[in-house]
N, C-alpha and C. Protein backbone atom coordinates (compact mmCIF):
# COMPACT_ATOMS: atom_id res chain seq x y z
N MET A 1 -39.50 15.86 9.44
CA MET A 1 -38.13 15.46 9.70
C MET A 1 -38.14 14.14 10.48
N ALA A 2 -37.31 13.20 10.11
CA ALA A 2 -37.28 11.89 10.77
C ALA A 2 -36.60 12.00 12.12
N VAL A 3 -37.26 11.41 13.13
CA VAL A 3 -36.74 11.43 14.49
C VAL A 3 -36.81 10.01 15.03
N PRO A 4 -35.78 9.55 15.78
CA PRO A 4 -35.85 8.21 16.35
C PRO A 4 -37.01 8.08 17.33
N LYS A 5 -37.71 6.95 17.26
CA LYS A 5 -38.86 6.74 18.14
C LYS A 5 -38.42 6.47 19.57
N LYS A 6 -37.31 5.73 19.73
CA LYS A 6 -36.80 5.42 21.07
C LYS A 6 -35.31 5.70 21.13
N LYS A 7 -34.82 5.90 22.33
CA LYS A 7 -33.39 6.15 22.54
C LYS A 7 -32.61 4.86 22.27
N THR A 8 -31.50 4.97 21.54
CA THR A 8 -30.63 3.83 21.30
C THR A 8 -29.82 3.56 22.55
N SER A 9 -29.87 2.32 23.03
CA SER A 9 -29.16 1.99 24.26
C SER A 9 -27.65 2.00 24.01
N THR A 10 -26.89 2.13 25.09
CA THR A 10 -25.43 2.15 24.95
C THR A 10 -24.92 0.82 24.44
N SER A 11 -25.60 -0.27 24.79
CA SER A 11 -25.18 -1.58 24.32
C SER A 11 -25.34 -1.70 22.80
N ARG A 12 -26.48 -1.27 22.28
CA ARG A 12 -26.69 -1.32 20.83
C ARG A 12 -25.73 -0.39 20.11
N ARG A 13 -25.54 0.79 20.66
CA ARG A 13 -24.62 1.75 20.06
C ARG A 13 -23.21 1.18 20.00
N ASN A 14 -22.74 0.59 21.11
CA ASN A 14 -21.39 0.05 21.16
C ASN A 14 -21.23 -1.18 20.27
N ASN A 15 -22.27 -2.01 20.18
CA ASN A 15 -22.21 -3.16 19.27
C ASN A 15 -22.09 -2.71 17.82
N ARG A 16 -22.77 -1.65 17.46
CA ARG A 16 -22.67 -1.12 16.11
C ARG A 16 -21.27 -0.58 15.84
N ARG A 17 -20.68 0.06 16.83
CA ARG A 17 -19.36 0.66 16.67
C ARG A 17 -18.22 -0.35 16.80
N SER A 18 -18.52 -1.58 17.13
CA SER A 18 -17.46 -2.57 17.35
C SER A 18 -16.67 -2.86 16.07
N HIS A 19 -17.24 -2.58 14.92
CA HIS A 19 -16.56 -2.83 13.65
C HIS A 19 -15.79 -1.61 13.16
N HIS A 20 -15.78 -0.53 13.91
CA HIS A 20 -15.12 0.70 13.48
C HIS A 20 -13.66 0.77 13.88
N ALA A 21 -13.17 -0.21 14.62
CA ALA A 21 -11.80 -0.15 15.12
C ALA A 21 -10.81 -0.27 13.96
N LEU A 22 -9.70 0.44 14.06
CA LEU A 22 -8.66 0.39 13.04
C LEU A 22 -7.72 -0.77 13.33
N LYS A 23 -7.24 -1.40 12.28
CA LYS A 23 -6.30 -2.51 12.42
C LYS A 23 -4.93 -2.06 11.95
N GLY A 24 -3.91 -2.63 12.54
CA GLY A 24 -2.55 -2.34 12.11
C GLY A 24 -2.23 -3.03 10.80
N VAL A 25 -1.24 -2.54 10.10
CA VAL A 25 -0.83 -3.12 8.83
C VAL A 25 0.03 -4.34 9.11
N THR A 26 -0.27 -5.45 8.45
CA THR A 26 0.51 -6.67 8.60
C THR A 26 1.67 -6.64 7.62
N VAL A 27 2.87 -6.85 8.12
CA VAL A 27 4.04 -6.91 7.26
C VAL A 27 4.80 -8.19 7.55
N VAL A 28 5.50 -8.68 6.54
CA VAL A 28 6.34 -9.86 6.68
C VAL A 28 7.74 -9.51 6.20
N GLU A 29 8.71 -10.29 6.65
CA GLU A 29 10.10 -10.04 6.25
C GLU A 29 10.41 -10.84 4.99
N ASN A 30 11.02 -10.18 4.02
CA ASN A 30 11.43 -10.83 2.79
C ASN A 30 12.64 -11.71 3.09
N LYS A 31 12.58 -12.98 2.67
CA LYS A 31 13.66 -13.92 2.99
C LYS A 31 14.95 -13.61 2.24
N GLU A 32 14.84 -13.10 1.01
CA GLU A 32 16.04 -12.83 0.22
C GLU A 32 16.75 -11.55 0.67
N THR A 33 16.00 -10.48 0.86
CA THR A 33 16.61 -9.18 1.14
C THR A 33 16.53 -8.77 2.59
N GLY A 34 15.62 -9.36 3.36
CA GLY A 34 15.46 -8.98 4.75
C GLY A 34 14.61 -7.73 4.94
N GLU A 35 14.08 -7.18 3.86
CA GLU A 35 13.22 -6.00 3.96
C GLU A 35 11.80 -6.42 4.32
N PHE A 36 11.05 -5.48 4.86
CA PHE A 36 9.66 -5.75 5.21
C PHE A 36 8.77 -5.38 4.03
N GLN A 37 7.72 -6.20 3.81
CA GLN A 37 6.79 -5.94 2.72
C GLN A 37 5.42 -6.48 3.11
N LEU A 38 4.41 -6.12 2.34
CA LEU A 38 3.06 -6.60 2.58
C LEU A 38 2.97 -8.07 2.18
N PRO A 39 2.20 -8.88 2.91
CA PRO A 39 2.09 -10.30 2.55
C PRO A 39 1.34 -10.49 1.24
N HIS A 40 1.66 -11.56 0.53
CA HIS A 40 1.03 -11.93 -0.73
C HIS A 40 1.25 -10.87 -1.80
N ARG A 41 2.36 -10.16 -1.75
CA ARG A 41 2.70 -9.17 -2.76
C ARG A 41 4.10 -9.48 -3.28
N MET A 42 4.35 -9.10 -4.52
CA MET A 42 5.66 -9.28 -5.11
C MET A 42 6.61 -8.24 -4.51
N SER A 43 7.87 -8.62 -4.31
CA SER A 43 8.84 -7.67 -3.77
C SER A 43 9.29 -6.71 -4.86
N VAL A 44 10.04 -5.70 -4.45
CA VAL A 44 10.48 -4.67 -5.38
C VAL A 44 11.40 -5.24 -6.46
N ASP A 45 12.21 -6.24 -6.09
CA ASP A 45 13.15 -6.81 -7.06
C ASP A 45 12.53 -7.91 -7.92
N GLY A 46 11.21 -8.13 -7.84
CA GLY A 46 10.53 -9.05 -8.75
C GLY A 46 10.36 -10.46 -8.24
N PHE A 47 10.59 -10.73 -6.96
CA PHE A 47 10.46 -12.07 -6.42
C PHE A 47 9.12 -12.25 -5.73
N TYR A 48 8.56 -13.47 -5.84
CA TYR A 48 7.36 -13.85 -5.10
C TYR A 48 7.50 -15.31 -4.74
N LYS A 49 7.41 -15.63 -3.47
CA LYS A 49 7.57 -16.99 -2.94
C LYS A 49 8.91 -17.59 -3.36
N GLY A 50 9.96 -16.80 -3.36
CA GLY A 50 11.30 -17.29 -3.66
C GLY A 50 11.61 -17.45 -5.13
N ARG A 51 10.67 -17.14 -6.01
CA ARG A 51 10.92 -17.25 -7.44
C ARG A 51 10.82 -15.88 -8.09
N ARG A 52 11.65 -15.66 -9.11
CA ARG A 52 11.59 -14.38 -9.83
C ARG A 52 10.40 -14.43 -10.78
N ILE A 53 9.49 -13.50 -10.61
CA ILE A 53 8.29 -13.43 -11.44
C ILE A 53 8.48 -12.42 -12.57
N VAL A 54 9.07 -11.27 -12.26
CA VAL A 54 9.24 -10.20 -13.23
C VAL A 54 10.70 -9.78 -13.23
N GLU A 55 11.25 -9.61 -14.42
CA GLU A 55 12.62 -9.10 -14.52
C GLU A 55 12.61 -7.61 -14.22
N PRO A 56 13.53 -7.12 -13.39
CA PRO A 56 13.55 -5.68 -13.09
C PRO A 56 13.95 -4.88 -14.33
N LYS A 57 13.37 -3.69 -14.44
CA LYS A 57 13.69 -2.82 -15.58
C LYS A 57 15.07 -2.22 -15.39
N ALA A 58 15.74 -1.95 -16.51
CA ALA A 58 17.05 -1.31 -16.46
C ALA A 58 16.89 0.13 -16.00
N ALA A 59 17.89 0.63 -15.32
CA ALA A 59 17.84 2.01 -14.83
C ALA A 59 17.81 2.97 -16.02
N LYS A 60 16.98 3.99 -15.93
CA LYS A 60 16.84 4.96 -17.00
C LYS A 60 17.91 6.03 -16.84
N VAL A 61 18.68 6.28 -17.89
CA VAL A 61 19.72 7.29 -17.86
C VAL A 61 19.21 8.50 -18.63
N GLU A 62 19.15 9.64 -17.95
CA GLU A 62 18.68 10.86 -18.60
C GLU A 62 19.87 11.69 -19.06
N ASP A 63 19.77 12.20 -20.28
CA ASP A 63 20.82 13.04 -20.85
C ASP A 63 20.34 14.48 -20.78
N ASP A 64 20.99 15.31 -19.95
CA ASP A 64 20.57 16.70 -19.77
C ASP A 64 20.88 17.56 -20.99
N SER A 65 21.90 17.22 -21.78
CA SER A 65 22.28 18.06 -22.91
C SER A 65 21.26 17.97 -24.04
N ALA A 66 20.53 16.87 -24.16
CA ALA A 66 19.58 16.71 -25.25
C ALA A 66 18.31 17.52 -24.99
N ASP A 67 17.95 17.72 -23.75
CA ASP A 67 16.73 18.46 -23.42
C ASP A 67 17.07 19.91 -23.11
N THR A 68 16.63 20.81 -23.99
CA THR A 68 16.90 22.23 -23.77
C THR A 68 15.69 22.94 -23.20
N GLY A 69 14.59 22.22 -23.00
CA GLY A 69 13.39 22.83 -22.45
C GLY A 69 12.67 23.73 -23.42
N GLY A 70 12.85 23.56 -24.71
CA GLY A 70 12.17 24.36 -25.71
C GLY A 70 12.82 25.71 -25.97
N GLN A 71 14.00 25.95 -25.42
CA GLN A 71 14.68 27.23 -25.62
C GLN A 71 15.98 26.98 -26.38
N ALA A 72 16.27 27.88 -27.29
CA ALA A 72 17.52 27.79 -28.03
C ALA A 72 18.64 28.38 -27.19
N ALA A 73 19.77 27.69 -27.17
CA ALA A 73 20.89 28.17 -26.35
C ALA A 73 21.88 28.96 -27.14
């Protein structure tokens, strides 16, 4: 079984653990809507850097009468 030859000093141990810290999420405010979003990402409405990149999809309308769930009424 592998065993360490010498005790790891607290300095070496802490230097190794210095990269384990968690960072907070960076958010920026959208200029058009005022909502917060991740930087360098397209907004929900399709804008990036003030220009529309993607047209938003039309809302999907579901018709409950057409779907019977496989059962005859």
